[in-house]
Every structure is written in structure tokens, then in C-alpha cells.
Amino acid sequence: MPPGCVPEPAPAPAAVPGPRRLTRGVVRPGRTPAAADAPVVDVVDLRDRRAPREAAELHFVAGDVVVVSGLPGSGKSTLMLRVVPALDGQGAAVHRIDSQDVRERWERGRLRRFPYALYRPLVRGAHYSGLRRALRSGRSVVVHDCGTLAWVRRWLAREARRGGRGLHLVLLDVPPEVALSGQRSRGRGVSGYAFARHRRAVRRLAARAQAARLPAGFTSAVLLDRPAAGALRRLGFE
């Protein structure tokens, strides 16, 4: 596309002066008091390898969109299964969107005899179709994000802005060797080339979150290491 044809993204909201460092209790990301005329990027850092772990909960506004990102094998799917409830605080359904669920459904069907690479485009199409329906429903959404596809985050930002909903990032910041171990334990991994791409993308995303310079449209970020993720009791909506 020729230069000048792509509109500039909306400026990121003003940042709070440094991440909040918390270790316990109920955390409500994105609800830090704003400045007089500027929204605030709220970054909550739950990483602290030296501190004893006490259970925490993340509470978001019902109808908001939460993006769970991190390296392959970092524990995103496991975390979502464990802490995301079926209903929000108002009794409405919470949509948990994970491409791994779609892949496993297809693998249980007629295509299980074929290599995944042959039907990967179909799985991705089904995943994004389900995500689109969830976003258009107006209900709370928690979506698994691989971290390398910036266009997906731009799409989520547009949908959230159109619906007047908050968009939040939950980032699992784990060492590469921990993520590789997670891939081995589930018996499924990505190529060395793909993993290197994921590492670069997640490293950039973590650095932006640490500096409160989130991708356009995001109003909060929560940083988790493996112990903090393990201590998390709930990721819900109220």
C-alpha cells in the first residue's frame, strides 16, 4: 500500500507512573483513577520471584475483552481452563476462545488421520469465525493470543472500541526453557524458527507493557510469571 494510505493509530492513553506491584487480593485492572482529561494505561505487575505467593483474583467489567498472551507452552490454555468461569457476575455467558479447543475438536473428527498441516487453515478459519461471533455478542470474552499476529490485536481493538468495551492484556512472562518444557509435557511443539519468532514478539510485548506503552486500544495489562499464574484463583467479570 502506498505511503500515506494507512491512517495513524489512535494515540495510546496516558500511562500511570510505573507498574503497580501487587502480590495478593482482588485486582481490578483498568480501573485506576484517570487524570483530569486523559485515560490511563494501568499495568499491574504480579511477577516477583522472591515473594511468597498468595492467591489473587482478576476482576474485569462485564462485557470487556481480555487477551491472554505468552510463549507456546507457557500455560495460556491451562490457565484459561482453570480460572475463567462460565458465567460473569450478572449471570451472562463468558466466551473463552482458544484455537487449541478448535484444533482438538477437528482432531477428534474425520480429519484425525491426516497431518495437522493439511487442515490448519480450516482450523484457523473456524477459530476466527468463533471469535468474531463472540465479539459481536457483546458479552465478556477471554481469547488466547499467540503474540505474533499484531493484526489480531488491531481487530480486537476495533471491535472493543466499536462496542464501547475495555480491552485488556494478561501476559504470561515465563523463561523460554519453561515454555519448551511445557511443549514437551503436552506432546506438541512448534518449530525452532517459529519459537524464535514467538520469543521476539513476546519479548517486545512484555517490554511495551513494562513501559506502559501498550498496543493501541488496550487500557490495562497484567504481567504474570509462572508462580503468579499458579496462584491466580479467578479471572472473572463483574
C-alpha atoms as a PDB file:
ATOM      1  CA  MET A   1       0.000   0.000   0.000  1.00  0.00           C
ATOM      2  CA  PRO A   2       1.448   3.422  -0.928  1.00  0.00           C
ATOM      3  CA  PRO A   3       2.757   5.611   1.876  1.00  0.00           C
ATOM      4  CA  GLY A   4       0.135   7.844   3.419  1.00  0.00           C
ATOM      5  CA  CYS A   5      -2.790   5.485   2.732  1.00  0.00           C
ATOM      6  CA  VAL A   6      -2.815   3.897   6.178  1.00  0.00           C
ATOM      7  CA  PRO A   7      -4.304   6.071   8.943  1.00  0.00           C
ATOM      8  CA  GLU A   8      -2.207   6.588  12.028  1.00  0.00           C
ATOM      9  CA  PRO A   9      -3.360   4.516  15.022  1.00  0.00           C
ATOM     10  CA  ALA A  10      -5.037   6.345  17.864  1.00  0.00           C
ATOM     11  CA  PRO A  11      -2.541   7.604  20.427  1.00  0.00           C
ATOM     12  CA  ALA A  12      -2.108   5.344  23.422  1.00  0.00           C
ATOM     13  CA  PRO A  13      -3.723   6.510  26.653  1.00  0.00           C
ATOM     14  CA  ALA A  14      -1.600   8.308  29.196  1.00  0.00           C
ATOM     15  CA  ALA A  15       0.382   5.962  31.426  1.00  0.00           C
ATOM     16  CA  VAL A  16       0.416   5.716  35.162  1.00  0.00           C
ATOM     17  CA  PRO A  17       3.914   6.343  36.571  1.00  0.00           C
ATOM     18  CA  GLY A  18       5.196   2.776  36.590  1.00  0.00           C
ATOM     19  CA  PRO A  19       3.508  -0.607  37.034  1.00  0.00           C
ATOM     20  CA  ARG A  20       1.601  -1.389  40.180  1.00  0.00           C
ATOM     21  CA  ARG A  21       3.290  -4.240  42.045  1.00  0.00           C
ATOM     22  CA  LEU A  22       0.819  -6.417  43.904  1.00  0.00           C
ATOM     23  CA  THR A  23       1.023  -9.916  45.319  1.00  0.00           C
ATOM     24  CA  ARG A  24      -2.423 -10.748  46.679  1.00  0.00           C
ATOM     25  CA  GLY A  25      -6.135  -9.954  46.825  1.00  0.00           C
ATOM     26  CA  VAL A  26      -8.633  -8.837  44.211  1.00  0.00           C
ATOM     27  CA  VAL A  27      -7.172  -6.782  41.356  1.00  0.00           C
ATOM     28  CA  ARG A  28      -9.393  -4.722  39.061  1.00  0.00           C
ATOM     29  CA  PRO A  29      -7.190  -3.786  36.084  1.00  0.00           C
ATOM     30  CA  GLY A  30      -8.125  -0.719  34.098  1.00  0.00           C
ATOM     31  CA  ARG A  31      -9.971   0.946  36.942  1.00  0.00           C
ATOM     32  CA  THR A  32      -7.176   3.150  38.238  1.00  0.00           C
ATOM     33  CA  PRO A  33      -8.401   6.763  38.665  1.00  0.00           C
ATOM     34  CA  ALA A  34      -7.632   8.723  35.489  1.00  0.00           C
ATOM     35  CA  ALA A  35      -6.078  12.142  35.126  1.00  0.00           C
ATOM     36  CA  ALA A  36      -8.348  15.120  34.589  1.00  0.00           C
ATOM     37  CA  ASP A  37      -8.842  14.686  30.843  1.00  0.00           C
ATOM     38  CA  ALA A  38      -6.812  11.622  29.868  1.00  0.00           C
ATOM     39  CA  PRO A  39      -7.469   7.889  30.092  1.00  0.00           C
ATOM     40  CA  VAL A  40      -4.890   5.807  31.896  1.00  0.00           C
ATOM     41  CA  VAL A  41      -2.953   2.701  30.964  1.00  0.00           C
ATOM     42  CA  ASP A  42      -2.978   0.546  34.075  1.00  0.00           C
ATOM     43  CA  VAL A  43      -0.150  -2.007  34.316  1.00  0.00           C
ATOM     44  CA  VAL A  44      -0.302  -4.493  37.187  1.00  0.00           C
ATOM     45  CA  ASP A  45       2.893  -6.476  37.743  1.00  0.00           C
ATOM     46  CA  LEU A  46       2.296  -9.678  39.722  1.00  0.00           C
ATOM     47  CA  ARG A  47       5.764 -11.048  38.975  1.00  0.00           C
ATOM     48  CA  ASP A  48       8.077 -11.332  41.949  1.00  0.00           C
ATOM     49  CA  ARG A  49      10.117 -14.491  42.177  1.00  0.00           C
ATOM     50  CA  ARG A  50      11.339 -13.589  45.674  1.00  0.00           C
ATOM     51  CA  ALA A  51       7.953 -13.018  47.309  1.00  0.00           C
ATOM     52  CA  PRO A  52       5.797 -15.772  48.823  1.00  0.00           C
ATOM     53  CA  ARG A  53       2.716 -16.452  46.713  1.00  0.00           C
ATOM     54  CA  GLU A  54      -0.777 -15.663  47.929  1.00  0.00           C
ATOM     55  CA  ALA A  55      -3.854 -16.197  45.814  1.00  0.00           C
ATOM     56  CA  ALA A  56      -5.133 -13.307  43.722  1.00  0.00           C
ATOM     57  CA  GLU A  57      -8.157 -12.707  41.533  1.00  0.00           C
ATOM     58  CA  LEU A  58      -8.525 -10.546  38.428  1.00  0.00           C
ATOM     59  CA  HIS A  59     -11.910  -8.850  38.063  1.00  0.00           C
ATOM     60  CA  PHE A  60     -12.868  -7.069  34.837  1.00  0.00           C
ATOM     61  CA  VAL A  61     -16.018  -5.205  33.828  1.00  0.00           C
ATOM     62  CA  ALA A  62     -18.685  -7.497  32.345  1.00  0.00           C
ATOM     63  CA  GLY A  63     -18.565  -7.281  28.554  1.00  0.00           C
ATOM     64  CA  ASP A  64     -14.861  -6.451  28.367  1.00  0.00           C
ATOM     65  CA  VAL A  65     -12.332  -8.363  26.248  1.00  0.00           C
ATOM     66  CA  VAL A  66      -9.255  -9.974  27.823  1.00  0.00           C
ATOM     67  CA  VAL A  67      -6.340 -11.187  25.680  1.00  0.00           C
ATOM     68  CA  VAL A  68      -4.135 -13.892  27.239  1.00  0.00           C
ATOM     69  CA  SER A  69      -0.717 -13.932  25.565  1.00  0.00           C
ATOM     70  CA  GLY A  70       2.639 -15.637  26.023  1.00  0.00           C
ATOM     71  CA  LEU A  71       5.044 -18.160  24.547  1.00  0.00           C
ATOM     72  CA  PRO A  72       3.788 -21.520  23.234  1.00  0.00           C
ATOM     73  CA  GLY A  73       3.914 -23.855  26.221  1.00  0.00           C
ATOM     74  CA  SER A  74       3.771 -21.041  28.782  1.00  0.00           C
ATOM     75  CA  GLY A  75       0.439 -22.283  30.135  1.00  0.00           C
ATOM     76  CA  LYS A  76      -2.132 -19.998  28.496  1.00  0.00           C
ATOM     77  CA  SER A  77      -4.695 -22.700  27.710  1.00  0.00           C
ATOM     78  CA  THR A  78      -4.250 -24.337  31.115  1.00  0.00           C
ATOM     79  CA  LEU A  79      -4.709 -21.006  32.873  1.00  0.00           C
ATOM     80  CA  MET A  80      -7.837 -20.141  30.899  1.00  0.00           C
ATOM     81  CA  LEU A  81      -9.404 -23.525  31.604  1.00  0.00           C
ATOM     82  CA  ARG A  82      -8.683 -23.240  35.310  1.00  0.00           C
ATOM     83  CA  VAL A  83      -9.576 -19.646  36.192  1.00  0.00           C
ATOM     84  CA  VAL A  84     -12.152 -18.384  33.656  1.00  0.00           C
ATOM     85  CA  PRO A  85     -15.721 -19.051  34.881  1.00  0.00           C
ATOM     86  CA  ALA A  86     -18.610 -19.994  32.602  1.00  0.00           C
ATOM     87  CA  LEU A  87     -20.705 -17.012  33.730  1.00  0.00           C
ATOM     88  CA  ASP A  88     -19.992 -13.409  34.658  1.00  0.00           C
ATOM     89  CA  GLY A  89     -21.251 -11.693  37.798  1.00  0.00           C
ATOM     90  CA  GLN A  90     -24.524 -10.830  36.058  1.00  0.00           C
ATOM     91  CA  GLY A  91     -25.235 -14.414  35.013  1.00  0.00           C
ATOM     92  CA  ALA A  92     -24.326 -13.959  31.334  1.00  0.00           C
ATOM     93  CA  ALA A  93     -22.068 -16.390  29.489  1.00  0.00           C
ATOM     94  CA  VAL A  94     -18.328 -15.739  29.305  1.00  0.00           C
ATOM     95  CA  HIS A  95     -16.814 -16.695  25.951  1.00  0.00           C
ATOM     96  CA  ARG A  96     -13.465 -18.499  26.291  1.00  0.00           C
ATOM     97  CA  ILE A  97     -11.900 -18.569  22.815  1.00  0.00           C
ATOM     98  CA  ASP A  98      -8.861 -20.820  22.334  1.00  0.00           C
ATOM     99  CA  SER A  99      -7.662 -22.119  18.969  1.00  0.00           C
ATOM    100  CA  GLN A 100      -6.405 -25.236  20.755  1.00  0.00           C
ATOM    101  CA  ASP A 101     -10.011 -26.191  21.552  1.00  0.00           C
ATOM    102  CA  VAL A 102     -10.916 -25.882  17.870  1.00  0.00           C
ATOM    103  CA  ARG A 103      -7.918 -27.972  16.839  1.00  0.00           C
ATOM    104  CA  GLU A 104      -8.792 -30.738  19.296  1.00  0.00           C
ATOM    105  CA  ARG A 105     -12.392 -30.862  18.064  1.00  0.00           C
ATOM    106  CA  TRP A 106     -11.192 -31.277  14.497  1.00  0.00           C
ATOM    107  CA  GLU A 107      -8.666 -33.913  15.542  1.00  0.00           C
ATOM    108  CA  ARG A 108     -11.466 -35.973  17.074  1.00  0.00           C
ATOM    109  CA  GLY A 109     -13.351 -35.913  13.771  1.00  0.00           C
ATOM    110  CA  ARG A 110     -12.758 -37.394  10.350  1.00  0.00           C
ATOM    111  CA  LEU A 111      -9.543 -35.452   9.783  1.00  0.00           C
ATOM    112  CA  ARG A 112      -7.674 -37.081  12.671  1.00  0.00           C
ATOM    113  CA  ARG A 113      -5.907 -39.424  10.238  1.00  0.00           C
ATOM    114  CA  PHE A 114      -4.342 -36.531   8.335  1.00  0.00           C
ATOM    115  CA  PRO A 115      -1.356 -34.346   9.276  1.00  0.00           C
ATOM    116  CA  TYR A 116      -2.442 -31.162  11.017  1.00  0.00           C
ATOM    117  CA  ALA A 117      -0.596 -29.030   8.454  1.00  0.00           C
ATOM    118  CA  LEU A 118      -3.115 -30.113   5.803  1.00  0.00           C
ATOM    119  CA  TYR A 119      -6.148 -28.737   7.602  1.00  0.00           C
ATOM    120  CA  ARG A 120      -4.556 -25.968   9.687  1.00  0.00           C
ATOM    121  CA  PRO A 121      -6.160 -23.217   7.510  1.00  0.00           C
ATOM    122  CA  LEU A 122      -9.595 -24.720   8.197  1.00  0.00           C
ATOM    123  CA  VAL A 123      -8.939 -24.762  11.940  1.00  0.00           C
ATOM    124  CA  ARG A 124      -7.785 -21.153  11.885  1.00  0.00           C
ATOM    125  CA  GLY A 125     -10.807 -20.109   9.864  1.00  0.00           C
ATOM    126  CA  ALA A 126     -13.139 -21.819  12.339  1.00  0.00           C
ATOM    127  CA  HIS A 127     -11.291 -20.217  15.258  1.00  0.00           C
ATOM    128  CA  TYR A 128     -11.553 -16.673  13.895  1.00  0.00           C
ATOM    129  CA  SER A 129     -15.178 -17.215  12.924  1.00  0.00           C
ATOM    130  CA  GLY A 130     -15.945 -18.223  16.517  1.00  0.00           C
ATOM    131  CA  LEU A 131     -14.005 -15.244  17.828  1.00  0.00           C
ATOM    132  CA  ARG A 132     -15.962 -12.892  15.583  1.00  0.00           C
ATOM    133  CA  ARG A 133     -19.276 -14.276  16.859  1.00  0.00           C
ATOM    134  CA  ALA A 134     -18.114 -13.926  20.462  1.00  0.00           C
ATOM    135  CA  LEU A 135     -17.047 -10.316  19.938  1.00  0.00           C
ATOM    136  CA  ARG A 136     -20.303  -9.414  18.217  1.00  0.00           C
ATOM    137  CA  SER A 137     -22.317 -10.946  21.086  1.00  0.00           C
ATOM    138  CA  GLY A 138     -21.336  -8.067  23.387  1.00  0.00           C
ATOM    139  CA  ARG A 139     -20.584 -10.478  26.214  1.00  0.00           C
ATOM    140  CA  SER A 140     -17.354 -10.977  28.130  1.00  0.00           C
ATOM    141  CA  VAL A 141     -14.578 -12.589  26.066  1.00  0.00           C
ATOM    142  CA  VAL A 142     -11.265 -14.174  27.045  1.00  0.00           C
ATOM    143  CA  VAL A 143      -9.153 -15.001  23.996  1.00  0.00           C
ATOM    144  CA  HIS A 144      -5.937 -16.996  23.617  1.00  0.00           C
ATOM    145  CA  ASP A 145      -3.320 -14.978  21.692  1.00  0.00           C
ATOM    146  CA  CYS A 146      -0.098 -16.403  20.284  1.00  0.00           C
ATOM    147  CA  GLY A 147       1.565 -12.974  20.386  1.00  0.00           C
ATOM    148  CA  THR A 148       2.911 -12.922  16.820  1.00  0.00           C
ATOM    149  CA  LEU A 149      -0.187 -11.692  14.966  1.00  0.00           C
ATOM    150  CA  ALA A 150      -0.457  -7.949  15.518  1.00  0.00           C
ATOM    151  CA  TRP A 151      -3.407  -7.744  13.128  1.00  0.00           C
ATOM    152  CA  VAL A 152      -5.483  -9.824  15.553  1.00  0.00           C
ATOM    153  CA  ARG A 153      -4.881  -7.311  18.352  1.00  0.00           C
ATOM    154  CA  ARG A 154      -5.784  -4.462  15.986  1.00  0.00           C
ATOM    155  CA  TRP A 155      -9.005  -6.265  15.095  1.00  0.00           C
ATOM    156  CA  LEU A 156      -9.816  -6.805  18.779  1.00  0.00           C
ATOM    157  CA  ALA A 157      -9.132  -3.125  19.460  1.00  0.00           C
ATOM    158  CA  ARG A 158     -11.527  -2.054  16.683  1.00  0.00           C
ATOM    159  CA  GLU A 159     -14.274  -4.358  17.933  1.00  0.00           C
ATOM    160  CA  ALA A 160     -13.812  -3.260  21.548  1.00  0.00           C
ATOM    161  CA  ARG A 161     -13.867   0.413  20.555  1.00  0.00           C
ATOM    162  CA  ARG A 162     -16.970  -0.097  18.410  1.00  0.00           C
ATOM    163  CA  GLY A 163     -18.785  -1.698  21.342  1.00  0.00           C
ATOM    164  CA  GLY A 164     -17.517   0.724  23.977  1.00  0.00           C
ATOM    165  CA  ARG A 165     -15.783  -2.109  25.840  1.00  0.00           C
ATOM    166  CA  GLY A 166     -12.478  -2.305  27.657  1.00  0.00           C
ATOM    167  CA  LEU A 167      -9.593  -4.284  26.144  1.00  0.00           C
ATOM    168  CA  HIS A 168      -7.032  -5.828  28.494  1.00  0.00           C
ATOM    169  CA  LEU A 169      -3.829  -7.851  28.194  1.00  0.00           C
ATOM    170  CA  VAL A 170      -2.794 -10.689  30.508  1.00  0.00           C
ATOM    171  CA  LEU A 171       0.779 -11.679  29.666  1.00  0.00           C
ATOM    172  CA  LEU A 172       2.439 -14.872  30.894  1.00  0.00           C
ATOM    173  CA  ASP A 173       6.103 -13.952  31.122  1.00  0.00           C
ATOM    174  CA  VAL A 174       7.965 -17.243  31.532  1.00  0.00           C
ATOM    175  CA  PRO A 175      11.546 -18.198  30.566  1.00  0.00           C
ATOM    176  CA  PRO A 176      11.935 -19.922  27.173  1.00  0.00           C
ATOM    177  CA  GLU A 177      13.134 -23.143  28.797  1.00  0.00           C
ATOM    178  CA  VAL A 178       9.954 -23.302  30.885  1.00  0.00           C
ATOM    179  CA  ALA A 179       7.820 -22.843  27.772  1.00  0.00           C
ATOM    180  CA  LEU A 180       9.775 -25.531  25.909  1.00  0.00           C
ATOM    181  CA  SER A 181       9.244 -27.885  28.838  1.00  0.00           C
ATOM    182  CA  GLY A 182       5.534 -27.116  28.655  1.00  0.00           C
ATOM    183  CA  GLN A 183       5.511 -28.022  24.966  1.00  0.00           C
ATOM    184  CA  ARG A 184       7.207 -31.331  25.701  1.00  0.00           C
ATOM    185  CA  SER A 185       4.785 -32.164  28.503  1.00  0.00           C
ATOM    186  CA  ARG A 186       1.787 -31.731  26.204  1.00  0.00           C
ATOM    187  CA  GLY A 187       3.486 -33.704  23.428  1.00  0.00           C
ATOM    188  CA  ARG A 188       3.150 -30.913  20.909  1.00  0.00           C
ATOM    189  CA  GLY A 189       5.563 -28.171  19.956  1.00  0.00           C
ATOM    190  CA  VAL A 190       6.440 -25.583  17.353  1.00  0.00           C
ATOM    191  CA  SER A 191       9.486 -25.446  15.119  1.00  0.00           C
ATOM    192  CA  GLY A 192      12.665 -23.727  16.246  1.00  0.00           C
ATOM    193  CA  TYR A 193      12.065 -20.971  13.709  1.00  0.00           C
ATOM    194  CA  ALA A 194       8.503 -20.400  14.891  1.00  0.00           C
ATOM    195  CA  PHE A 195       9.551 -20.437  18.546  1.00  0.00           C
ATOM    196  CA  ALA A 196      12.204 -17.794  17.844  1.00  0.00           C
ATOM    197  CA  ARG A 197       9.520 -15.597  16.253  1.00  0.00           C
ATOM    198  CA  HIS A 198       7.306 -16.077  19.287  1.00  0.00           C
ATOM    199  CA  ARG A 199      10.177 -15.191  21.620  1.00  0.00           C
ATOM    200  CA  ARG A 200      10.848 -11.928  19.805  1.00  0.00           C
ATOM    201  CA  ALA A 201       7.172 -10.997  19.704  1.00  0.00           C
ATOM    202  CA  VAL A 202       6.526 -11.776  23.373  1.00  0.00           C
ATOM    203  CA  ARG A 203       9.734 -10.017  24.438  1.00  0.00           C
ATOM    204  CA  ARG A 204       8.584  -6.864  22.616  1.00  0.00           C
ATOM    205  CA  LEU A 205       5.117  -7.118  24.106  1.00  0.00           C
ATOM    206  CA  ALA A 206       6.498  -7.562  27.636  1.00  0.00           C
ATOM    207  CA  ALA A 207       8.818  -4.574  27.206  1.00  0.00           C
ATOM    208  CA  ARG A 208       5.941  -2.407  25.998  1.00  0.00           C
ATOM    209  CA  ALA A 209       3.777  -3.492  28.909  1.00  0.00           C
ATOM    210  CA  GLN A 210       6.565  -2.852  31.410  1.00  0.00           C
ATOM    211  CA  ALA A 211       6.910   0.665  29.975  1.00  0.00           C
ATOM    212  CA  ALA A 212       3.101   1.164  29.932  1.00  0.00           C
ATOM    213  CA  ARG A 213       3.237   1.562  26.135  1.00  0.00           C
ATOM    214  CA  LEU A 214       0.598  -0.983  25.204  1.00  0.00           C
ATOM    215  CA  PRO A 215      -0.675  -1.664  21.677  1.00  0.00           C
ATOM    216  CA  ALA A 216      -3.317   0.849  20.594  1.00  0.00           C
ATOM    217  CA  GLY A 217      -6.703   0.219  22.175  1.00  0.00           C
ATOM    218  CA  PHE A 218      -5.510  -1.628  25.290  1.00  0.00           C
ATOM    219  CA  THR A 219      -6.281   0.045  28.608  1.00  0.00           C
ATOM    220  CA  SER A 220      -4.571  -2.356  31.005  1.00  0.00           C
ATOM    221  CA  ALA A 221      -2.029  -5.152  31.260  1.00  0.00           C
ATOM    222  CA  VAL A 222      -1.353  -7.765  33.931  1.00  0.00           C
ATOM    223  CA  LEU A 223       2.100  -9.370  33.988  1.00  0.00           C
ATOM    224  CA  LEU A 224       2.328 -12.889  35.404  1.00  0.00           C
ATOM    225  CA  ASP A 225       5.269 -15.206  35.920  1.00  0.00           C
ATOM    226  CA  ARG A 226       4.689 -18.937  36.409  1.00  0.00           C
ATOM    227  CA  PRO A 227       4.257 -18.772  40.231  1.00  0.00           C
ATOM    228  CA  ALA A 228       1.836 -15.850  39.935  1.00  0.00           C
ATOM    229  CA  ALA A 229      -0.177 -17.694  37.289  1.00  0.00           C
ATOM    230  CA  GLY A 230      -0.277 -20.753  39.531  1.00  0.00           C
ATOM    231  CA  ALA A 231      -1.553 -18.676  42.447  1.00  0.00           C
ATOM    232  CA  LEU A 232      -4.266 -16.970  40.392  1.00  0.00           C
ATOM    233  CA  ARG A 233      -7.678 -18.145  41.606  1.00  0.00           C
ATOM    234  CA  ARG A 234     -10.018 -16.497  39.150  1.00  0.00           C
ATOM    235  CA  LEU A 235     -10.195 -14.303  36.069  1.00  0.00           C
ATOM    236  CA  GLY A 236     -13.771 -13.102  36.115  1.00  0.00           C
ATOM    237  CA  PHE A 237     -16.152 -10.334  35.131  1.00  0.00           C
ATOM    238  CA  GLU A 238     -18.450  -8.297  37.360  1.00  0.00           C
END
